[in-house]
């Protein structure tokens, strides 16, 4: 499929919670773009989901066929197994990362998104590149504040 955008994503956290980051590789036809950002205090699951959100935020048009490759069972299963639809139906009551899931829902509703799980830290070069980007961002010290996490005052881990 030449009119398909391929996105690889990964998230990392040094401690859970702790400094974290995400890495993204977007591939469209013969073009490629990388994204990465670190956060001063966050969780691994938040960074896994933030990677997908960051990728969707940079898109300039709607209606794109997208395949997202992720090593996060949390993200892949939430979408592909329909958990997210159930969470939406209950208004995300009692669900972690509701702020990010709400952002994902708004962004993904403009596209045609499908997820594929890939084994992390294996032989997939693009997944490995995302891991490198995510861990470098987590270690960079050039961090943003994950407002949704820090303002929630949560001490709970999400994994």
N, C-alpha and C. Protein backbone atom coordinates (compact mmCIF):
# COMPACT_ATOMS: atom_id res chain seq x y z
N UNK A 1 0.84 -1.18 0.00
CA UNK A 1 0.00 0.00 0.00
C UNK A 1 0.88 1.24 0.00
N UNK A 2 0.97 1.94 -1.09
CA UNK A 2 1.82 3.11 -1.16
C UNK A 2 1.19 4.32 -0.48
N UNK A 3 -0.13 4.33 -0.31
CA UNK A 3 -0.78 5.46 0.35
C UNK A 3 -1.03 5.18 1.82
N UNK A 4 -0.13 4.45 2.41
CA UNK A 4 -0.23 4.11 3.83
C UNK A 4 0.93 4.75 4.58
N UNK A 5 0.60 5.40 5.67
CA UNK A 5 1.62 5.95 6.56
C UNK A 5 1.96 4.88 7.58
N UNK A 6 3.24 4.61 7.72
CA UNK A 6 3.71 3.65 8.72
C UNK A 6 4.34 4.43 9.86
N UNK A 7 3.92 4.12 11.07
CA UNK A 7 4.44 4.79 12.26
C UNK A 7 4.95 3.73 13.23
N UNK A 8 6.17 3.91 13.68
CA UNK A 8 6.73 3.10 14.77
C UNK A 8 6.83 4.00 15.98
N UNK A 9 6.49 3.45 17.16
CA UNK A 9 6.52 4.25 18.38
C UNK A 9 7.13 3.45 19.53
N UNK A 10 7.68 4.18 20.48
CA UNK A 10 8.13 3.55 21.72
C UNK A 10 8.17 4.61 22.81
N UNK A 11 8.01 4.15 24.04
CA UNK A 11 8.10 5.02 25.20
C UNK A 11 9.04 4.40 26.21
N UNK A 12 9.59 5.26 27.07
CA UNK A 12 10.52 4.80 28.09
C UNK A 12 10.35 5.65 29.34
N UNK A 13 10.63 5.04 30.47
CA UNK A 13 10.66 5.79 31.73
C UNK A 13 11.78 5.22 32.58
N UNK A 14 12.54 6.10 33.19
CA UNK A 14 13.64 5.72 34.09
C UNK A 14 13.09 5.73 35.50
N UNK A 15 12.61 4.57 35.90
CA UNK A 15 11.77 4.49 37.10
C UNK A 15 10.34 4.58 36.59
N UNK A 16 9.43 4.16 37.40
CA UNK A 16 8.04 4.18 36.95
C UNK A 16 7.14 4.56 38.11
N UNK A 17 7.06 5.84 38.44
CA UNK A 17 7.37 7.01 37.62
C UNK A 17 8.83 7.46 37.73
N UNK A 18 9.18 8.30 36.78
CA UNK A 18 10.51 8.91 36.73
C UNK A 18 10.63 9.70 35.45
N UNK A 19 11.84 10.14 35.12
CA UNK A 19 12.02 10.81 33.83
C UNK A 19 11.67 9.84 32.70
N UNK A 20 11.04 10.37 31.66
CA UNK A 20 10.63 9.51 30.56
C UNK A 20 10.75 10.20 29.23
N UNK A 21 10.50 9.44 28.19
CA UNK A 21 10.54 10.00 26.85
C UNK A 21 9.87 9.09 25.86
N UNK A 22 9.64 9.64 24.68
CA UNK A 22 9.08 8.83 23.60
C UNK A 22 9.93 9.01 22.35
N UNK A 23 9.82 8.03 21.47
CA UNK A 23 10.47 8.09 20.17
C UNK A 23 9.50 7.63 19.10
N UNK A 24 9.57 8.27 17.94
CA UNK A 24 8.65 7.98 16.84
C UNK A 24 9.43 8.00 15.52
N UNK A 25 9.11 7.07 14.66
CA UNK A 25 9.57 7.11 13.27
C UNK A 25 8.33 7.03 12.39
N UNK A 26 8.16 8.04 11.53
CA UNK A 26 7.07 8.07 10.57
C UNK A 26 7.66 7.82 9.19
N UNK A 27 7.01 6.95 8.40
CA UNK A 27 7.48 6.65 7.05
C UNK A 27 6.31 6.77 6.08
N UNK A 28 6.49 7.62 5.08
CA UNK A 28 5.50 7.82 4.03
C UNK A 28 6.22 7.75 2.70
N UNK A 29 5.88 6.74 1.91
CA UNK A 29 6.54 6.52 0.62
C UNK A 29 8.05 6.48 0.84
N UNK A 30 8.82 7.40 0.25
CA UNK A 30 10.28 7.35 0.43
C UNK A 30 10.77 8.37 1.45
N UNK A 31 9.86 8.95 2.23
CA UNK A 31 10.23 9.95 3.23
C UNK A 31 10.15 9.36 4.64
N UNK A 32 10.99 9.91 5.51
CA UNK A 32 11.02 9.46 6.90
C UNK A 32 11.21 10.66 7.81
N UNK A 33 10.57 10.62 8.97
CA UNK A 33 10.71 11.69 9.96
C UNK A 33 10.76 11.07 11.34
N UNK A 34 11.60 11.63 12.20
CA UNK A 34 11.72 11.15 13.58
C UNK A 34 11.27 12.23 14.55
N UNK A 35 10.65 11.79 15.65
CA UNK A 35 10.23 12.68 16.73
C UNK A 35 10.70 12.08 18.04
N UNK A 36 11.04 12.93 18.99
CA UNK A 36 11.40 12.48 20.33
C UNK A 36 11.21 13.64 21.30
N UNK A 37 10.84 13.31 22.53
CA UNK A 37 10.70 14.33 23.57
C UNK A 37 10.81 13.66 24.92
N UNK A 38 11.42 14.35 25.85
CA UNK A 38 11.54 13.84 27.21
C UNK A 38 10.63 14.60 28.17
N UNK A 39 10.29 13.94 29.27
CA UNK A 39 9.45 14.52 30.32
C UNK A 39 10.09 14.25 31.66
N UNK A 40 9.97 15.22 32.57
CA UNK A 40 10.72 15.12 33.83
C UNK A 40 10.17 14.06 34.79
N UNK A 41 8.87 13.84 34.80
CA UNK A 41 8.28 12.82 35.69
C UNK A 41 7.03 12.29 35.01
N UNK A 42 7.07 10.99 34.72
CA UNK A 42 5.97 10.38 33.99
C UNK A 42 6.04 8.87 34.18
N UNK A 43 5.29 8.13 33.40
CA UNK A 43 5.32 6.67 33.47
C UNK A 43 5.56 6.08 32.08
N UNK A 44 5.93 4.84 32.05
CA UNK A 44 6.18 4.17 30.78
C UNK A 44 4.92 4.14 29.92
N UNK A 45 3.79 3.75 30.49
CA UNK A 45 2.57 3.68 29.68
C UNK A 45 2.18 5.03 29.11
N UNK A 46 2.38 6.09 29.88
CA UNK A 46 2.07 7.43 29.36
C UNK A 46 2.96 7.76 28.17
N UNK A 47 4.22 7.38 28.24
CA UNK A 47 5.13 7.68 27.13
C UNK A 47 4.82 6.83 25.90
N UNK A 48 4.40 5.59 26.11
CA UNK A 48 3.99 4.74 24.99
C UNK A 48 2.82 5.38 24.25
N UNK A 49 1.85 5.87 24.99
CA UNK A 49 0.68 6.50 24.40
C UNK A 49 1.02 7.88 23.84
N UNK A 50 1.86 8.64 24.54
CA UNK A 50 2.25 9.96 24.07
C UNK A 50 2.98 9.87 22.73
N UNK A 51 3.73 8.81 22.50
CA UNK A 51 4.41 8.64 21.22
C UNK A 51 3.40 8.58 20.08
N UNK A 52 2.33 7.85 20.27
CA UNK A 52 1.29 7.74 19.24
C UNK A 52 0.63 9.11 19.03
N UNK A 53 0.32 9.78 20.12
CA UNK A 53 -0.32 11.10 20.04
C UNK A 53 0.58 12.08 19.29
N UNK A 54 1.86 12.10 19.64
CA UNK A 54 2.80 13.02 18.99
C UNK A 54 2.85 12.77 17.49
N UNK A 55 2.83 11.51 17.09
CA UNK A 55 2.85 11.17 15.67
C UNK A 55 1.59 11.69 14.98
N UNK A 56 0.44 11.50 15.59
CA UNK A 56 -0.81 11.94 14.98
C UNK A 56 -0.91 13.46 14.94
N UNK A 57 -0.31 14.14 15.91
CA UNK A 57 -0.38 15.60 15.97
C UNK A 57 0.36 16.28 14.83
N UNK A 58 1.37 15.64 14.28
CA UNK A 58 2.14 16.29 13.21
C UNK A 58 1.51 16.14 11.82
N UNK A 59 0.47 15.35 11.71
CA UNK A 59 -0.15 15.11 10.41
C UNK A 59 -0.91 16.35 9.96
N UNK A 60 -0.74 16.69 8.68
CA UNK A 60 -1.33 17.90 8.12
C UNK A 60 -2.68 17.69 7.45
N UNK A 61 -3.05 16.42 7.23
CA UNK A 61 -4.33 16.18 6.59
C UNK A 61 -5.04 15.01 7.25
N UNK A 62 -6.31 14.91 7.00
CA UNK A 62 -7.16 13.87 7.57
C UNK A 62 -7.37 12.73 6.57
N UNK A 63 -7.88 11.62 7.08
CA UNK A 63 -8.27 10.50 6.23
C UNK A 63 -7.12 9.62 5.78
N UNK A 64 -6.01 9.67 6.49
CA UNK A 64 -4.84 8.88 6.11
C UNK A 64 -4.97 7.46 6.65
N UNK A 65 -4.60 6.48 5.84
CA UNK A 65 -4.52 5.09 6.29
C UNK A 65 -3.20 4.93 7.02
N UNK A 66 -3.28 4.56 8.29
CA UNK A 66 -2.10 4.51 9.15
C UNK A 66 -2.00 3.15 9.82
N UNK A 67 -0.79 2.60 9.83
CA UNK A 67 -0.50 1.43 10.64
C UNK A 67 0.55 1.85 11.66
N UNK A 68 0.21 1.69 12.93
CA UNK A 68 1.12 2.01 14.03
C UNK A 68 1.69 0.71 14.57
N UNK A 69 3.01 0.61 14.58
CA UNK A 69 3.70 -0.53 15.16
C UNK A 69 4.21 -0.13 16.53
N UNK A 70 3.84 -0.89 17.54
CA UNK A 70 4.20 -0.57 18.92
C UNK A 70 4.51 -1.85 19.68
N UNK A 71 5.44 -1.75 20.62
CA UNK A 71 5.73 -2.90 21.49
C UNK A 71 4.94 -2.81 22.80
N UNK A 72 4.00 -1.87 22.87
CA UNK A 72 3.19 -1.69 24.07
C UNK A 72 1.88 -2.47 23.96
N UNK A 73 1.79 -3.56 24.70
CA UNK A 73 0.53 -4.32 24.74
C UNK A 73 -0.60 -3.44 25.28
N UNK A 74 -0.28 -2.57 26.23
CA UNK A 74 -1.27 -1.65 26.80
C UNK A 74 -1.94 -0.82 25.70
N UNK A 75 -1.16 -0.19 24.85
CA UNK A 75 -1.71 0.66 23.80
C UNK A 75 -2.37 -0.18 22.70
N UNK A 76 -1.68 -1.17 22.20
CA UNK A 76 -2.21 -1.99 21.11
C UNK A 76 -3.50 -2.67 21.52
N UNK A 77 -3.51 -3.32 22.67
CA UNK A 77 -4.72 -4.03 23.10
C UNK A 77 -5.87 -3.09 23.41
N UNK A 78 -5.58 -1.93 23.97
CA UNK A 78 -6.65 -0.98 24.29
C UNK A 78 -7.44 -0.62 23.04
N UNK A 79 -6.73 -0.45 21.93
CA UNK A 79 -7.41 -0.07 20.68
C UNK A 79 -7.93 -1.31 19.96
N UNK A 80 -7.07 -2.26 19.70
CA UNK A 80 -7.43 -3.40 18.85
C UNK A 80 -8.42 -4.36 19.51
N UNK A 81 -8.40 -4.47 20.83
CA UNK A 81 -9.34 -5.38 21.52
C UNK A 81 -10.60 -4.66 21.99
N UNK A 82 -10.70 -3.37 21.69
CA UNK A 82 -11.92 -2.64 22.01
C UNK A 82 -12.03 -2.12 23.42
N UNK A 83 -10.96 -2.24 24.21
CA UNK A 83 -11.03 -1.73 25.58
C UNK A 83 -11.32 -0.24 25.60
N UNK A 84 -10.71 0.49 24.66
CA UNK A 84 -10.87 1.94 24.61
C UNK A 84 -12.32 2.33 24.41
N UNK A 85 -13.03 1.61 23.57
CA UNK A 85 -14.46 1.92 23.36
C UNK A 85 -15.24 1.76 24.67
N UNK A 86 -14.92 0.74 25.44
CA UNK A 86 -15.58 0.56 26.73
C UNK A 86 -15.21 1.68 27.69
N UNK A 87 -13.93 2.08 27.70
CA UNK A 87 -13.50 3.18 28.58
C UNK A 87 -14.20 4.48 28.21
N UNK A 88 -14.38 4.71 26.91
CA UNK A 88 -15.10 5.90 26.46
C UNK A 88 -16.55 5.86 26.94
N UNK A 89 -17.17 4.69 26.84
CA UNK A 89 -18.57 4.55 27.22
C UNK A 89 -18.80 4.89 28.69
N UNK A 90 -17.80 4.60 29.53
CA UNK A 90 -17.95 4.91 30.96
C UNK A 90 -17.29 6.24 31.33
N UNK A 91 -16.93 7.01 30.31
CA UNK A 91 -16.33 8.31 30.56
C UNK A 91 -14.95 8.22 31.20
N UNK A 92 -14.25 7.12 30.95
CA UNK A 92 -12.91 6.87 31.49
C UNK A 92 -12.88 6.81 33.02
N UNK A 93 -14.05 6.65 33.63
CA UNK A 93 -14.12 6.62 35.09
C UNK A 93 -13.23 5.51 35.66
N UNK A 94 -12.31 5.90 36.54
CA UNK A 94 -11.41 4.96 37.19
C UNK A 94 -10.26 4.49 36.30
N UNK A 95 -10.14 5.02 35.10
CA UNK A 95 -9.09 4.59 34.17
C UNK A 95 -7.91 5.54 34.23
N UNK A 96 -6.73 4.96 34.18
CA UNK A 96 -5.51 5.75 34.17
C UNK A 96 -5.29 6.36 32.79
N UNK A 97 -4.62 7.48 32.78
CA UNK A 97 -4.22 8.15 31.54
C UNK A 97 -5.40 8.63 30.71
N UNK A 98 -6.51 8.93 31.37
CA UNK A 98 -7.71 9.38 30.67
C UNK A 98 -7.44 10.63 29.84
N UNK A 99 -6.58 11.52 30.33
CA UNK A 99 -6.26 12.73 29.58
C UNK A 99 -5.64 12.40 28.23
N UNK A 100 -4.70 11.46 28.23
CA UNK A 100 -4.04 11.07 26.99
C UNK A 100 -4.96 10.25 26.09
N UNK A 101 -5.74 9.37 26.67
CA UNK A 101 -6.66 8.59 25.85
C UNK A 101 -7.68 9.50 25.17
N UNK A 102 -8.13 10.53 25.85
CA UNK A 102 -9.06 11.49 25.24
C UNK A 102 -8.40 12.21 24.07
N UNK A 103 -7.13 12.57 24.23
CA UNK A 103 -6.39 13.19 23.12
C UNK A 103 -6.27 12.23 21.95
N UNK A 104 -5.92 10.98 22.25
CA UNK A 104 -5.79 9.97 21.20
C UNK A 104 -7.11 9.81 20.44
N UNK A 105 -8.22 9.72 21.15
CA UNK A 105 -9.53 9.53 20.52
C UNK A 105 -9.81 10.67 19.55
N UNK A 106 -9.57 11.91 19.97
CA UNK A 106 -9.84 13.06 19.11
C UNK A 106 -8.97 13.03 17.86
N UNK A 107 -7.69 12.72 18.03
CA UNK A 107 -6.77 12.71 16.89
C UNK A 107 -7.03 11.54 15.95
N UNK A 108 -7.26 10.37 16.50
CA UNK A 108 -7.44 9.18 15.67
C UNK A 108 -8.77 9.18 14.93
N UNK A 109 -9.74 9.91 15.44
CA UNK A 109 -11.05 9.95 14.77
C UNK A 109 -10.96 10.61 13.39
N UNK A 110 -9.89 11.33 13.13
CA UNK A 110 -9.70 12.00 11.84
C UNK A 110 -8.92 11.14 10.85
N UNK A 111 -8.47 9.96 11.30
CA UNK A 111 -7.63 9.10 10.47
C UNK A 111 -8.22 7.69 10.45
N UNK A 112 -7.54 6.79 9.74
CA UNK A 112 -7.88 5.37 9.71
C UNK A 112 -6.69 4.65 10.32
N UNK A 113 -6.76 4.38 11.62
CA UNK A 113 -5.60 3.88 12.37
C UNK A 113 -5.80 2.42 12.73
N UNK A 114 -4.75 1.66 12.49
CA UNK A 114 -4.71 0.25 12.89
C UNK A 114 -3.39 0.04 13.63
N UNK A 115 -3.41 -0.81 14.65
CA UNK A 115 -2.21 -1.09 15.44
C UNK A 115 -1.72 -2.51 15.21
N UNK A 116 -0.40 -2.66 15.23
CA UNK A 116 0.24 -3.96 15.15
C UNK A 116 1.27 -4.03 16.28
N UNK A 117 1.18 -5.08 17.07
CA UNK A 117 2.15 -5.27 18.15
C UNK A 117 3.43 -5.87 17.58
N UNK A 118 4.57 -5.34 18.04
CA UNK A 118 5.87 -5.91 17.68
C UNK A 118 6.63 -6.20 18.97
N UNK A 119 7.44 -7.21 18.93
CA UNK A 119 8.24 -7.55 20.11
C UNK A 119 9.32 -6.49 20.31
N UNK A 120 9.38 -5.95 21.53
CA UNK A 120 10.38 -4.94 21.83
C UNK A 120 11.75 -5.54 22.05
N UNK A 121 12.77 -4.73 21.83
CA UNK A 121 14.17 -5.12 22.06
C UNK A 121 14.52 -6.40 21.31
N UNK A 122 14.01 -6.49 20.09
CA UNK A 122 14.25 -7.69 19.28
C UNK A 122 14.97 -7.27 18.00
N UNK A 123 14.56 -7.86 16.89
CA UNK A 123 15.30 -7.65 15.65
C UNK A 123 14.59 -6.69 14.68
N UNK A 124 13.73 -5.83 15.19
CA UNK A 124 13.03 -4.87 14.34
C UNK A 124 13.79 -3.54 14.37
N UNK A 125 14.47 -3.18 13.29
CA UNK A 125 15.32 -1.98 13.31
C UNK A 125 14.56 -0.68 13.62
N UNK A 126 13.34 -0.53 13.13
CA UNK A 126 12.61 0.71 13.40
C UNK A 126 12.11 0.77 14.84
N UNK A 127 11.70 -0.36 15.39
CA UNK A 127 11.33 -0.38 16.81
C UNK A 127 12.57 -0.09 17.67
N UNK A 128 13.69 -0.65 17.30
CA UNK A 128 14.92 -0.38 18.04
C UNK A 128 15.33 1.09 17.95
N UNK A 129 15.12 1.69 16.79
CA UNK A 129 15.42 3.12 16.63
C UNK A 129 14.52 3.95 17.54
N UNK A 130 13.24 3.62 17.61
CA UNK A 130 12.32 4.33 18.50
C UNK A 130 12.74 4.18 19.95
N UNK A 131 13.18 2.98 20.33
CA UNK A 131 13.65 2.75 21.69
C UNK A 131 14.85 3.64 21.99
N UNK A 132 15.77 3.75 21.04
CA UNK A 132 16.94 4.60 21.23
C UNK A 132 16.53 6.07 21.38
N UNK A 133 15.60 6.52 20.54
CA UNK A 133 15.12 7.89 20.63
C UNK A 133 14.43 8.15 21.98
N UNK A 134 13.60 7.20 22.42
CA UNK A 134 12.85 7.36 23.67
C UNK A 134 13.78 7.38 24.88
N UNK A 135 14.74 6.48 24.92
CA UNK A 135 15.64 6.44 26.08
C UNK A 135 16.57 7.65 26.08
N UNK A 136 17.02 8.08 24.90
CA UNK A 136 17.86 9.29 24.84
C UNK A 136 17.07 10.51 25.33
N UNK A 137 15.80 10.61 24.95
CA UNK A 137 14.96 11.72 25.40
C UNK A 137 14.75 11.65 26.92
N UNK A 138 14.55 10.45 27.44
CA UNK A 138 14.36 10.29 28.89
C UNK A 138 15.61 10.68 29.66
N UNK A 139 16.77 10.45 29.06
CA UNK A 139 18.05 10.73 29.72
C UNK A 139 18.57 12.14 29.45
N UNK A 140 17.91 12.89 28.58
CA UNK A 140 18.46 14.14 28.06
C UNK A 140 18.54 15.27 29.09
N UNK A 141 17.64 15.29 30.05
CA UNK A 141 17.57 16.43 30.95
C UNK A 141 16.85 17.61 30.32
N UNK A 142 16.53 17.51 29.05
CA UNK A 142 15.78 18.55 28.34
C UNK A 142 14.31 18.13 28.34
N UNK A 143 13.70 18.28 29.50
CA UNK A 143 12.39 17.70 29.73
C UNK A 143 11.28 18.73 29.75
N UNK A 144 10.13 18.30 29.27
CA UNK A 144 8.89 19.03 29.47
C UNK A 144 8.22 18.49 30.73
N UNK A 145 7.18 19.16 31.17
CA UNK A 145 6.40 18.68 32.30
C UNK A 145 5.19 17.92 31.76
N UNK A 146 5.02 16.70 32.22
CA UNK A 146 3.84 15.91 31.88
C UNK A 146 2.73 16.37 32.82
N UNK A 147 2.05 17.43 32.40
CA UNK A 147 1.04 18.07 33.25
C UNK A 147 -0.05 17.08 33.70
N UNK A 148 -0.47 16.24 32.78
CA UNK A 148 -1.52 15.27 33.11
C UNK A 148 -1.12 14.33 34.22
N UNK A 149 0.17 14.00 34.29
CA UNK A 149 0.64 13.12 35.34
C UNK A 149 0.93 13.91 36.62
N UNK A 150 1.73 14.96 36.49
CA UNK A 150 2.16 15.69 37.68
C UNK A 150 1.01 16.42 38.38
N UNK A 151 0.06 16.95 37.61
CA UNK A 151 -1.05 17.65 38.22
C UNK A 151 -2.08 16.71 38.83
N UNK A 152 -2.04 15.44 38.42
CA UNK A 152 -2.98 14.47 38.99
C UNK A 152 -2.56 14.09 40.41
N UNK A 153 -1.31 14.33 40.75
CA UNK A 153 -0.83 14.01 42.09
C UNK A 153 -0.82 12.53 42.39
N UNK A 154 -0.84 11.72 41.33
CA UNK A 154 -0.90 10.27 41.50
C UNK A 154 0.44 9.71 41.90
N UNK A 155 0.44 8.82 42.85
CA UNK A 155 1.64 8.09 43.21
C UNK A 155 1.55 6.66 42.72
N UNK A 156 0.47 6.34 42.01
CA UNK A 156 0.28 4.99 41.52
C UNK A 156 1.11 4.75 40.26
N UNK A 157 1.56 3.54 40.11
CA UNK A 157 2.26 3.17 38.88
C UNK A 157 1.21 2.63 37.92
N UNK A 158 1.48 2.74 36.64
CA UNK A 158 0.51 2.26 35.67
C UNK A 158 0.96 0.96 35.02
N UNK A 159 1.98 0.33 35.55
CA UNK A 159 2.37 -0.98 35.01
C UNK A 159 2.67 -1.91 36.16
